[in-house]
């Protein structure tokens, strides 16, 4: 009675960017990206 099937389906979170961040990104003309280890595997080049 303690044996149960398990699911390992990763949840892909969706994000609503904060308005202040949207404004900062939209108005920037000379942005630079600092990529740390937490960005490995993400679409940094894109």
ModelCIF file with pLDDT and N, C-alpha, C, O atoms, coordinates in Angstrom:
data_MODEL
#
_entry.id   MODEL 
#
_entity.id                         1 
_entity.type                       polymer 
_entity.pdbx_number_of_molecules   1 
#
_entity_poly.entity_id                      1 
_entity_poly.type                           'polypeptide(L)' 
_entity_poly.nstd_linkage                   no 
_entity_poly.nstd_monomer                   no 
_entity_poly.pdbx_seq_one_letter_code       
;(UNK)(UNK)(UNK)(UNK)(UNK)(UNK)(UNK)(UNK)(UNK)(UNK)(UNK)(UNK)(UNK)(UNK)(UNK)(UNK)
(UNK)(UNK)(UNK)(UNK)(UNK)(UNK)(UNK)(UNK)(UNK)(UNK)(UNK)(UNK)(UNK)(UNK)(UNK)(UNK)
(UNK)(UNK)(UNK)(UNK)(UNK)(UNK)(UNK)(UNK)(UNK)(UNK)(UNK)(UNK)(UNK)(UNK)
;
_entity_poly.pdbx_seq_one_letter_code_can   XXXXXXXXXXXXXXXXXXXXXXXXXXXXXXXXXXXXXXXXXXXXXX 
_entity_poly.pdbx_strand_id                 A 
#
loop_
_entity_poly_seq.entity_id 
_entity_poly_seq.num 
_entity_poly_seq.mon_id 
_entity_poly_seq.hetero 
1 1  UNK n 
1 2  UNK n 
1 3  UNK n 
1 4  UNK n 
1 5  UNK n 
1 6  UNK n 
1 7  UNK n 
1 8  UNK n 
1 9  UNK n 
1 10 UNK n 
1 11 UNK n 
1 12 UNK n 
1 13 UNK n 
1 14 UNK n 
1 15 UNK n 
1 16 UNK n 
1 17 UNK n 
1 18 UNK n 
1 19 UNK n 
1 20 UNK n 
1 21 UNK n 
1 22 UNK n 
1 23 UNK n 
1 24 UNK n 
1 25 UNK n 
1 26 UNK n 
1 27 UNK n 
1 28 UNK n 
1 29 UNK n 
1 30 UNK n 
1 31 UNK n 
1 32 UNK n 
1 33 UNK n 
1 34 UNK n 
1 35 UNK n 
1 36 UNK n 
1 37 UNK n 
1 38 UNK n 
1 39 UNK n 
1 40 UNK n 
1 41 UNK n 
1 42 UNK n 
1 43 UNK n 
1 44 UNK n 
1 45 UNK n 
1 46 UNK n 
#
_struct_asym.id          A 
_struct_asym.entity_id   1 
#
loop_
_ma_qa_metric.id 
_ma_qa_metric.mode 
_ma_qa_metric.name 
_ma_qa_metric.software_group_id 
_ma_qa_metric.type 
1 global pLDDT . pLDDT 
2 local  pLDDT . pLDDT 
#
_ma_qa_metric_global.metric_id      1 
_ma_qa_metric_global.metric_value   86.41 
_ma_qa_metric_global.model_id       1 
_ma_qa_metric_global.ordinal_id     1 
#
loop_
_ma_qa_metric_local.label_asym_id 
_ma_qa_metric_local.label_comp_id 
_ma_qa_metric_local.label_seq_id 
_ma_qa_metric_local.metric_id 
_ma_qa_metric_local.metric_value 
_ma_qa_metric_local.model_id 
_ma_qa_metric_local.ordinal_id 
A UNK 1  2 63.00 1 1  
A UNK 2  2 63.00 1 2  
A UNK 3  2 61.00 1 3  
A UNK 4  2 63.00 1 4  
A UNK 5  2 64.00 1 5  
A UNK 6  2 66.00 1 6  
A UNK 7  2 69.00 1 7  
A UNK 8  2 67.00 1 8  
A UNK 9  2 67.00 1 9  
A UNK 10 2 67.00 1 10 
A UNK 11 2 65.00 1 11 
A UNK 12 2 68.00 1 12 
A UNK 13 2 66.00 1 13 
A UNK 14 2 74.00 1 14 
A UNK 15 2 85.00 1 15 
A UNK 16 2 87.00 1 16 
A UNK 17 2 93.00 1 17 
A UNK 18 2 94.00 1 18 
A UNK 19 2 95.00 1 19 
A UNK 20 2 96.00 1 20 
A UNK 21 2 96.00 1 21 
A UNK 22 2 97.00 1 22 
A UNK 23 2 97.00 1 23 
A UNK 24 2 97.00 1 24 
A UNK 25 2 97.00 1 25 
A UNK 26 2 97.00 1 26 
A UNK 27 2 97.00 1 27 
A UNK 28 2 97.00 1 28 
A UNK 29 2 97.00 1 29 
A UNK 30 2 98.00 1 30 
A UNK 31 2 98.00 1 31 
A UNK 32 2 98.00 1 32 
A UNK 33 2 98.00 1 33 
A UNK 34 2 98.00 1 34 
A UNK 35 2 97.00 1 35 
A UNK 36 2 95.00 1 36 
A UNK 37 2 93.00 1 37 
A UNK 38 2 93.00 1 38 
A UNK 39 2 95.00 1 39 
A UNK 40 2 93.00 1 40 
A UNK 41 2 91.00 1 41 
A UNK 42 2 95.00 1 42 
A UNK 43 2 96.00 1 43 
A UNK 44 2 97.00 1 44 
A UNK 45 2 97.00 1 45 
A UNK 46 2 98.00 1 46 
#
loop_
_atom_site.group_PDB 
_atom_site.id 
_atom_site.type_symbol 
_atom_site.label_atom_id 
_atom_site.label_alt_id 
_atom_site.label_comp_id 
_atom_site.label_asym_id 
_atom_site.label_entity_id 
_atom_site.label_seq_id 
_atom_site.pdbx_PDB_ins_code 
_atom_site.Cartn_x 
_atom_site.Cartn_y 
_atom_site.Cartn_z 
_atom_site.occupancy 
_atom_site.B_iso_or_equiv 
_atom_site.pdbx_formal_charge 
_atom_site.auth_seq_id 
_atom_site.auth_comp_id 
_atom_site.auth_asym_id 
_atom_site.auth_atom_id 
_atom_site.pdbx_PDB_model_num 
ATOM 1   N N  . UNK A 1 1  ? 0.809  -1.218 0.000   1.00 63.00 ? 1  UNK A N  1 
ATOM 2   C CA . UNK A 1 1  ? 0.000  0.000  0.000   1.00 63.00 ? 1  UNK A CA 1 
ATOM 3   C C  . UNK A 1 1  ? 0.846  1.273  0.000   1.00 63.00 ? 1  UNK A C  1 
ATOM 4   O O  . UNK A 1 1  ? 0.299  2.371  -0.102  1.00 63.00 ? 1  UNK A O  1 
ATOM 5   N N  . UNK A 1 2  ? 2.175  1.146  0.113   1.00 63.00 ? 2  UNK A N  1 
ATOM 6   C CA . UNK A 1 2  ? 3.034  2.330  0.097   1.00 63.00 ? 2  UNK A CA 1 
ATOM 7   C C  . UNK A 1 2  ? 3.730  2.528  -1.247  1.00 63.00 ? 2  UNK A C  1 
ATOM 8   O O  . UNK A 1 2  ? 4.484  3.486  -1.417  1.00 63.00 ? 2  UNK A O  1 
ATOM 9   N N  . UNK A 1 3  ? 3.484  1.625  -2.209  1.00 61.00 ? 3  UNK A N  1 
ATOM 10  C CA . UNK A 1 3  ? 4.109  1.720  -3.525  1.00 61.00 ? 3  UNK A CA 1 
ATOM 11  C C  . UNK A 1 3  ? 3.245  2.596  -4.418  1.00 61.00 ? 3  UNK A C  1 
ATOM 12  O O  . UNK A 1 3  ? 2.072  2.302  -4.649  1.00 61.00 ? 3  UNK A O  1 
ATOM 13  N N  . UNK A 1 4  ? 3.836  3.673  -4.917  1.00 63.00 ? 4  UNK A N  1 
ATOM 14  C CA . UNK A 1 4  ? 3.081  4.600  -5.764  1.00 63.00 ? 4  UNK A CA 1 
ATOM 15  C C  . UNK A 1 4  ? 3.956  5.040  -6.929  1.00 63.00 ? 4  UNK A C  1 
ATOM 16  O O  . UNK A 1 4  ? 5.153  5.277  -6.767  1.00 63.00 ? 4  UNK A O  1 
ATOM 17  N N  . UNK A 1 5  ? 3.348  5.146  -8.097  1.00 64.00 ? 5  UNK A N  1 
ATOM 18  C CA . UNK A 1 5  ? 4.079  5.643  -9.261  1.00 64.00 ? 5  UNK A CA 1 
ATOM 19  C C  . UNK A 1 5  ? 4.421  7.113  -9.047  1.00 64.00 ? 5  UNK A C  1 
ATOM 20  O O  . UNK A 1 5  ? 3.697  7.833  -8.360  1.00 64.00 ? 5  UNK A O  1 
ATOM 21  N N  . UNK A 1 6  ? 5.512  7.544  -9.630  1.00 66.00 ? 6  UNK A N  1 
ATOM 22  C CA . UNK A 1 6  ? 5.941  8.928  -9.459  1.00 66.00 ? 6  UNK A CA 1 
ATOM 23  C C  . UNK A 1 6  ? 6.153  9.585  -10.810 1.00 66.00 ? 6  UNK A C  1 
ATOM 24  O O  . UNK A 1 6  ? 6.460  8.923  -11.802 1.00 66.00 ? 6  UNK A O  1 
ATOM 25  N N  . UNK A 1 7  ? 5.983  10.899 -10.831 1.00 69.00 ? 7  UNK A N  1 
ATOM 26  C CA . UNK A 1 7  ? 6.162  11.668 -12.046 1.00 69.00 ? 7  UNK A CA 1 
ATOM 27  C C  . UNK A 1 7  ? 7.358  12.593 -11.867 1.00 69.00 ? 7  UNK A C  1 
ATOM 28  O O  . UNK A 1 7  ? 7.536  13.208 -10.815 1.00 69.00 ? 7  UNK A O  1 
ATOM 29  N N  . UNK A 1 8  ? 8.169  12.679 -12.909 1.00 67.00 ? 8  UNK A N  1 
ATOM 30  C CA . UNK A 1 8  ? 9.304  13.609 -12.902 1.00 67.00 ? 8  UNK A CA 1 
ATOM 31  C C  . UNK A 1 8  ? 9.191  14.501 -14.134 1.00 67.00 ? 8  UNK A C  1 
ATOM 32  O O  . UNK A 1 8  ? 10.077 14.525 -14.989 1.00 67.00 ? 8  UNK A O  1 
ATOM 33  N N  . UNK A 1 9  ? 8.090  15.227 -14.204 1.00 67.00 ? 9  UNK A N  1 
ATOM 34  C CA . UNK A 1 9  ? 7.862  16.128 -15.332 1.00 67.00 ? 9  UNK A CA 1 
ATOM 35  C C  . UNK A 1 9  ? 8.309  17.528 -14.913 1.00 67.00 ? 9  UNK A C  1 
ATOM 36  O O  . UNK A 1 9  ? 7.703  18.130 -14.027 1.00 67.00 ? 9  UNK A O  1 
ATOM 37  N N  . UNK A 1 10 ? 9.365  18.052 -15.544 1.00 67.00 ? 10 UNK A N  1 
ATOM 38  C CA . UNK A 1 10 ? 9.821  19.387 -15.152 1.00 67.00 ? 10 UNK A CA 1 
ATOM 39  C C  . UNK A 1 10 ? 8.784  20.450 -15.477 1.00 67.00 ? 10 UNK A C  1 
ATOM 40  O O  . UNK A 1 10 ? 8.150  20.415 -16.532 1.00 67.00 ? 10 UNK A O  1 
ATOM 41  N N  . UNK A 1 11 ? 8.621  21.384 -14.572 1.00 65.00 ? 11 UNK A N  1 
ATOM 42  C CA . UNK A 1 11 ? 7.686  22.480 -14.771 1.00 65.00 ? 11 UNK A CA 1 
ATOM 43  C C  . UNK A 1 11 ? 8.438  23.637 -15.419 1.00 65.00 ? 11 UNK A C  1 
ATOM 44  O O  . UNK A 1 11 ? 9.444  24.108 -14.889 1.00 65.00 ? 11 UNK A O  1 
ATOM 45  N N  . UNK A 1 12 ? 7.948  24.088 -16.563 1.00 68.00 ? 12 UNK A N  1 
ATOM 46  C CA . UNK A 1 12 ? 8.580  25.205 -17.254 1.00 68.00 ? 12 UNK A CA 1 
ATOM 47  C C  . UNK A 1 12 ? 7.902  26.490 -16.812 1.00 68.00 ? 12 UNK A C  1 
ATOM 48  O O  . UNK A 1 12 ? 6.794  26.788 -17.256 1.00 68.00 ? 12 UNK A O  1 
ATOM 49  N N  . UNK A 1 13 ? 8.553  27.257 -15.941 1.00 66.00 ? 13 UNK A N  1 
ATOM 50  C CA . UNK A 1 13 ? 7.894  28.449 -15.407 1.00 66.00 ? 13 UNK A CA 1 
ATOM 51  C C  . UNK A 1 13 ? 7.769  29.548 -16.459 1.00 66.00 ? 13 UNK A C  1 
ATOM 52  O O  . UNK A 1 13 ? 8.640  29.710 -17.313 1.00 66.00 ? 13 UNK A O  1 
ATOM 53  N N  . UNK A 1 14 ? 6.693  30.286 -16.384 1.00 74.00 ? 14 UNK A N  1 
ATOM 54  C CA . UNK A 1 14 ? 6.528  31.475 -17.211 1.00 74.00 ? 14 UNK A CA 1 
ATOM 55  C C  . UNK A 1 14 ? 6.683  32.695 -16.314 1.00 74.00 ? 14 UNK A C  1 
ATOM 56  O O  . UNK A 1 14 ? 6.271  32.693 -15.154 1.00 74.00 ? 14 UNK A O  1 
ATOM 57  N N  . UNK A 1 15 ? 7.276  33.717 -16.867 1.00 85.00 ? 15 UNK A N  1 
ATOM 58  C CA . UNK A 1 15 ? 7.610  34.892 -16.065 1.00 85.00 ? 15 UNK A CA 1 
ATOM 59  C C  . UNK A 1 15 ? 6.976  36.125 -16.673 1.00 85.00 ? 15 UNK A C  1 
ATOM 60  O O  . UNK A 1 15 ? 7.022  36.344 -17.884 1.00 85.00 ? 15 UNK A O  1 
ATOM 61  N N  . UNK A 1 16 ? 6.394  36.910 -15.816 1.00 87.00 ? 16 UNK A N  1 
ATOM 62  C CA . UNK A 1 16 ? 5.959  38.257 -16.215 1.00 87.00 ? 16 UNK A CA 1 
ATOM 63  C C  . UNK A 1 16 ? 7.008  39.228 -15.699 1.00 87.00 ? 16 UNK A C  1 
ATOM 64  O O  . UNK A 1 16 ? 7.179  39.398 -14.492 1.00 87.00 ? 16 UNK A O  1 
ATOM 65  N N  . UNK A 1 17 ? 7.703  39.856 -16.628 1.00 93.00 ? 17 UNK A N  1 
ATOM 66  C CA . UNK A 1 17 ? 8.772  40.763 -16.231 1.00 93.00 ? 17 UNK A CA 1 
ATOM 67  C C  . UNK A 1 17 ? 8.208  41.945 -15.447 1.00 93.00 ? 17 UNK A C  1 
ATOM 68  O O  . UNK A 1 17 ? 7.171  42.495 -15.817 1.00 93.00 ? 17 UNK A O  1 
ATOM 69  N N  . UNK A 1 18 ? 8.882  42.338 -14.368 1.00 94.00 ? 18 UNK A N  1 
ATOM 70  C CA . UNK A 1 18 ? 8.468  43.545 -13.651 1.00 94.00 ? 18 UNK A CA 1 
ATOM 71  C C  . UNK A 1 18 ? 8.517  44.766 -14.579 1.00 94.00 ? 18 UNK A C  1 
ATOM 72  O O  . UNK A 1 18 ? 9.398  44.857 -15.433 1.00 94.00 ? 18 UNK A O  1 
ATOM 73  N N  . UNK A 1 19 ? 7.581  45.695 -14.416 1.00 95.00 ? 19 UNK A N  1 
ATOM 74  C CA . UNK A 1 19 ? 7.516  46.854 -15.307 1.00 95.00 ? 19 UNK A CA 1 
ATOM 75  C C  . UNK A 1 19 ? 8.809  47.661 -15.289 1.00 95.00 ? 19 UNK A C  1 
ATOM 76  O O  . UNK A 1 19 ? 9.242  48.169 -16.323 1.00 95.00 ? 19 UNK A O  1 
ATOM 77  N N  . UNK A 1 20 ? 9.422  47.778 -14.117 1.00 96.00 ? 20 UNK A N  1 
ATOM 78  C CA . UNK A 1 20 ? 10.666 48.548 -14.036 1.00 96.00 ? 20 UNK A CA 1 
ATOM 79  C C  . UNK A 1 20 ? 11.767 47.886 -14.870 1.00 96.00 ? 20 UNK A C  1 
ATOM 80  O O  . UNK A 1 20 ? 12.565 48.574 -15.507 1.00 96.00 ? 20 UNK A O  1 
ATOM 81  N N  . UNK A 1 21 ? 11.809 46.548 -14.865 1.00 96.00 ? 21 UNK A N  1 
ATOM 82  C CA . UNK A 1 21 ? 12.804 45.839 -15.660 1.00 96.00 ? 21 UNK A CA 1 
ATOM 83  C C  . UNK A 1 21 ? 12.532 46.009 -17.147 1.00 96.00 ? 21 UNK A C  1 
ATOM 84  O O  . UNK A 1 21 ? 13.463 46.173 -17.935 1.00 96.00 ? 21 UNK A O  1 
ATOM 85  N N  . UNK A 1 22 ? 11.253 45.971 -17.536 1.00 97.00 ? 22 UNK A N  1 
ATOM 86  C CA . UNK A 1 22 ? 10.887 46.177 -18.943 1.00 97.00 ? 22 UNK A CA 1 
ATOM 87  C C  . UNK A 1 22 ? 11.323 47.556 -19.399 1.00 97.00 ? 22 UNK A C  1 
ATOM 88  O O  . UNK A 1 22 ? 11.863 47.712 -20.494 1.00 97.00 ? 22 UNK A O  1 
ATOM 89  N N  . UNK A 1 23 ? 11.090 48.554 -18.564 1.00 97.00 ? 23 UNK A N  1 
ATOM 90  C CA . UNK A 1 23 ? 11.472 49.926 -18.918 1.00 97.00 ? 23 UNK A CA 1 
ATOM 91  C C  . UNK A 1 23 ? 12.992 50.053 -19.037 1.00 97.00 ? 23 UNK A C  1 
ATOM 92  O O  . UNK A 1 23 ? 13.493 50.702 -19.955 1.00 97.00 ? 23 UNK A O  1 
ATOM 93  N N  . UNK A 1 24 ? 13.722 49.433 -18.108 1.00 97.00 ? 24 UNK A N  1 
ATOM 94  C CA . UNK A 1 24 ? 15.188 49.512 -18.147 1.00 97.00 ? 24 UNK A CA 1 
ATOM 95  C C  . UNK A 1 24 ? 15.741 48.840 -19.399 1.00 97.00 ? 24 UNK A C  1 
ATOM 96  O O  . UNK A 1 24 ? 16.654 49.365 -20.037 1.00 97.00 ? 24 UNK A O  1 
ATOM 97  N N  . UNK A 1 25 ? 15.198 47.695 -19.746 1.00 97.00 ? 25 UNK A N  1 
ATOM 98  C CA . UNK A 1 25 ? 15.662 46.968 -20.927 1.00 97.00 ? 25 UNK A CA 1 
ATOM 99  C C  . UNK A 1 25 ? 15.277 47.711 -22.209 1.00 97.00 ? 25 UNK A C  1 
ATOM 100 O O  . UNK A 1 25 ? 16.062 47.765 -23.156 1.00 97.00 ? 25 UNK A O  1 
ATOM 101 N N  . UNK A 1 26 ? 14.095 48.271 -22.239 1.00 97.00 ? 26 UNK A N  1 
ATOM 102 C CA . UNK A 1 26 ? 13.611 48.966 -23.432 1.00 97.00 ? 26 UNK A CA 1 
ATOM 103 C C  . UNK A 1 26 ? 14.387 50.251 -23.693 1.00 97.00 ? 26 UNK A C  1 
ATOM 104 O O  . UNK A 1 26 ? 14.625 50.610 -24.846 1.00 97.00 ? 26 UNK A O  1 
ATOM 105 N N  . UNK A 1 27 ? 14.783 50.944 -22.630 1.00 97.00 ? 27 UNK A N  1 
ATOM 106 C CA . UNK A 1 27 ? 15.454 52.241 -22.797 1.00 97.00 ? 27 UNK A CA 1 
ATOM 107 C C  . UNK A 1 27 ? 16.967 52.118 -22.930 1.00 97.00 ? 27 UNK A C  1 
ATOM 108 O O  . UNK A 1 27 ? 17.625 53.069 -23.350 1.00 97.00 ? 27 UNK A O  1 
ATOM 109 N N  . UNK A 1 28 ? 17.532 50.959 -22.577 1.00 97.00 ? 28 UNK A N  1 
ATOM 110 C CA . UNK A 1 28 ? 18.981 50.796 -22.645 1.00 97.00 ? 28 UNK A CA 1 
ATOM 111 C C  . UNK A 1 28 ? 19.469 50.815 -24.085 1.00 97.00 ? 28 UNK A C  1 
ATOM 112 O O  . UNK A 1 28 ? 18.858 50.209 -24.966 1.00 97.00 ? 28 UNK A O  1 
ATOM 113 N N  . UNK A 1 29 ? 20.573 51.516 -24.319 1.00 97.00 ? 29 UNK A N  1 
ATOM 114 C CA . UNK A 1 29 ? 21.199 51.556 -25.632 1.00 97.00 ? 29 UNK A CA 1 
ATOM 115 C C  . UNK A 1 29 ? 22.590 50.932 -25.630 1.00 97.00 ? 29 UNK A C  1 
ATOM 116 O O  . UNK A 1 29 ? 23.153 50.669 -26.692 1.00 97.00 ? 29 UNK A O  1 
ATOM 117 N N  . UNK A 1 30 ? 23.147 50.694 -24.444 1.00 98.00 ? 30 UNK A N  1 
ATOM 118 C CA . UNK A 1 30 ? 24.478 50.075 -24.349 1.00 98.00 ? 30 UNK A CA 1 
ATOM 119 C C  . UNK A 1 30 ? 24.495 49.034 -23.227 1.00 98.00 ? 30 UNK A C  1 
ATOM 120 O O  . UNK A 1 30 ? 25.285 49.150 -22.291 1.00 98.00 ? 30 UNK A O  1 
ATOM 121 N N  . UNK A 1 31 ? 23.631 48.019 -23.315 1.00 98.00 ? 31 UNK A N  1 
ATOM 122 C CA . UNK A 1 31 ? 23.627 47.007 -22.247 1.00 98.00 ? 31 UNK A CA 1 
ATOM 123 C C  . UNK A 1 31 ? 24.815 46.057 -22.373 1.00 98.00 ? 31 UNK A C  1 
ATOM 124 O O  . UNK A 1 31 ? 25.357 45.863 -23.461 1.00 98.00 ? 31 UNK A O  1 
ATOM 125 N N  . UNK A 1 32 ? 25.205 45.477 -21.262 1.00 98.00 ? 32 UNK A N  1 
ATOM 126 C CA . UNK A 1 32 ? 26.233 44.441 -21.247 1.00 98.00 ? 32 UNK A CA 1 
ATOM 127 C C  . UNK A 1 32 ? 25.742 43.318 -20.337 1.00 98.00 ? 32 UNK A C  1 
ATOM 128 O O  . UNK A 1 32 ? 25.179 43.573 -19.272 1.00 98.00 ? 32 UNK A O  1 
ATOM 129 N N  . UNK A 1 33 ? 25.956 42.091 -20.758 1.00 98.00 ? 33 UNK A N  1 
ATOM 130 C CA . UNK A 1 33 ? 25.519 40.919 -19.998 1.00 98.00 ? 33 UNK A CA 1 
ATOM 131 C C  . UNK A 1 33 ? 26.686 40.347 -19.216 1.00 98.00 ? 33 UNK A C  1 
ATOM 132 O O  . UNK A 1 33 ? 27.767 40.128 -19.763 1.00 98.00 ? 33 UNK A O  1 
ATOM 133 N N  . UNK A 1 34 ? 26.460 40.106 -17.929 1.00 98.00 ? 34 UNK A N  1 
ATOM 134 C CA . UNK A 1 34 ? 27.419 39.401 -17.066 1.00 98.00 ? 34 UNK A CA 1 
ATOM 135 C C  . UNK A 1 34 ? 26.815 38.014 -16.844 1.00 98.00 ? 34 UNK A C  1 
ATOM 136 O O  . UNK A 1 34 ? 25.815 37.886 -16.137 1.00 98.00 ? 34 UNK A O  1 
ATOM 137 N N  . UNK A 1 35 ? 27.400 36.988 -17.431 1.00 97.00 ? 35 UNK A N  1 
ATOM 138 C CA . UNK A 1 35 ? 26.848 35.636 -17.367 1.00 97.00 ? 35 UNK A CA 1 
ATOM 139 C C  . UNK A 1 35 ? 27.580 34.823 -16.312 1.00 97.00 ? 35 UNK A C  1 
ATOM 140 O O  . UNK A 1 35 ? 28.794 34.635 -16.390 1.00 97.00 ? 35 UNK A O  1 
ATOM 141 N N  . UNK A 1 36 ? 26.823 34.338 -15.312 1.00 95.00 ? 36 UNK A N  1 
ATOM 142 C CA . UNK A 1 36 ? 27.388 33.479 -14.283 1.00 95.00 ? 36 UNK A CA 1 
ATOM 143 C C  . UNK A 1 36 ? 27.053 32.031 -14.539 1.00 95.00 ? 36 UNK A C  1 
ATOM 144 O O  . UNK A 1 36 ? 26.437 31.697 -15.551 1.00 95.00 ? 36 UNK A O  1 
ATOM 145 N N  . UNK A 1 37 ? 27.462 31.162 -13.614 1.00 93.00 ? 37 UNK A N  1 
ATOM 146 C CA . UNK A 1 37 ? 27.269 29.725 -13.797 1.00 93.00 ? 37 UNK A CA 1 
ATOM 147 C C  . UNK A 1 37 ? 25.800 29.348 -13.899 1.00 93.00 ? 37 UNK A C  1 
ATOM 148 O O  . UNK A 1 37 ? 25.467 28.329 -14.506 1.00 93.00 ? 37 UNK A O  1 
ATOM 149 N N  . UNK A 1 38 ? 24.917 30.149 -13.318 1.00 93.00 ? 38 UNK A N  1 
ATOM 150 C CA . UNK A 1 38 ? 23.490 29.871 -13.399 1.00 93.00 ? 38 UNK A CA 1 
ATOM 151 C C  . UNK A 1 38 ? 22.907 30.080 -14.779 1.00 93.00 ? 38 UNK A C  1 
ATOM 152 O O  . UNK A 1 38 ? 21.736 29.779 -15.007 1.00 93.00 ? 38 UNK A O  1 
ATOM 153 N N  . UNK A 1 39 ? 23.700 30.590 -15.704 1.00 95.00 ? 39 UNK A N  1 
ATOM 154 C CA . UNK A 1 39 ? 23.212 30.823 -17.065 1.00 95.00 ? 39 UNK A CA 1 
ATOM 155 C C  . UNK A 1 39 ? 23.628 29.715 -18.025 1.00 95.00 ? 39 UNK A C  1 
ATOM 156 O O  . UNK A 1 39 ? 23.257 29.745 -19.199 1.00 95.00 ? 39 UNK A O  1 
ATOM 157 N N  . UNK A 1 40 ? 24.398 28.730 -17.539 1.00 93.00 ? 40 UNK A N  1 
ATOM 158 C CA . UNK A 1 40 ? 24.849 27.648 -18.413 1.00 93.00 ? 40 UNK A CA 1 
ATOM 159 C C  . UNK A 1 40 ? 23.631 26.871 -18.929 1.00 93.00 ? 40 UNK A C  1 
ATOM 160 O O  . UNK A 1 40 ? 22.772 26.460 -18.148 1.00 93.00 ? 40 UNK A O  1 
ATOM 161 N N  . UNK A 1 41 ? 23.568 26.678 -20.225 1.00 91.00 ? 41 UNK A N  1 
ATOM 162 C CA . UNK A 1 41 ? 22.461 25.962 -20.830 1.00 91.00 ? 41 UNK A CA 1 
ATOM 163 C C  . UNK A 1 41 ? 21.309 26.854 -21.256 1.00 91.00 ? 41 UNK A C  1 
ATOM 164 O O  . UNK A 1 41 ? 20.406 26.400 -21.959 1.00 91.00 ? 41 UNK A O  1 
ATOM 165 N N  . UNK A 1 42 ? 21.322 28.127 -20.841 1.00 95.00 ? 42 UNK A N  1 
ATOM 166 C CA . UNK A 1 42 ? 20.273 29.064 -21.244 1.00 95.00 ? 42 UNK A CA 1 
ATOM 167 C C  . UNK A 1 42 ? 20.642 29.714 -22.582 1.00 95.00 ? 42 UNK A C  1 
ATOM 168 O O  . UNK A 1 42 ? 21.777 29.599 -23.046 1.00 95.00 ? 42 UNK A O  1 
ATOM 169 N N  . UNK A 1 43 ? 19.683 30.386 -23.185 1.00 96.00 ? 43 UNK A N  1 
ATOM 170 C CA . UNK A 1 43 ? 19.886 30.983 -24.513 1.00 96.00 ? 43 UNK A CA 1 
ATOM 171 C C  . UNK A 1 43 ? 20.538 32.359 -24.395 1.00 96.00 ? 43 UNK A C  1 
ATOM 172 O O  . UNK A 1 43 ? 19.963 33.365 -24.811 1.00 96.00 ? 43 UNK A O  1 
ATOM 173 N N  . UNK A 1 44 ? 21.731 32.392 -23.829 1.00 97.00 ? 44 UNK A N  1 
ATOM 174 C CA . UNK A 1 44 ? 22.423 33.656 -23.595 1.00 97.00 ? 44 UNK A CA 1 
ATOM 175 C C  . UNK A 1 44 ? 22.781 34.325 -24.920 1.00 97.00 ? 44 UNK A C  1 
ATOM 176 O O  . UNK A 1 44 ? 22.648 35.542 -25.049 1.00 97.00 ? 44 UNK A O  1 
ATOM 177 N N  . UNK A 1 45 ? 23.229 33.556 -25.897 1.00 97.00 ? 45 UNK A N  1 
ATOM 178 C CA . UNK A 1 45 ? 23.591 34.137 -27.195 1.00 97.00 ? 45 UNK A CA 1 
ATOM 179 C C  . UNK A 1 45 ? 22.384 34.799 -27.852 1.00 97.00 ? 45 UNK A C  1 
ATOM 180 O O  . UNK A 1 45 ? 22.508 35.877 -28.434 1.00 97.00 ? 45 UNK A O  1 
ATOM 181 N N  . UNK A 1 46 ? 21.224 34.166 -27.764 1.00 98.00 ? 46 UNK A N  1 
ATOM 182 C CA . UNK A 1 46 ? 20.013 34.751 -28.343 1.00 98.00 ? 46 UNK A CA 1 
ATOM 183 C C  . UNK A 1 46 ? 19.668 36.072 -27.658 1.00 98.00 ? 46 UNK A C  1 
ATOM 184 O O  . UNK A 1 46 ? 18.678 36.711 -28.013 1.00 98.00 ? 46 UNK A O  1 
#
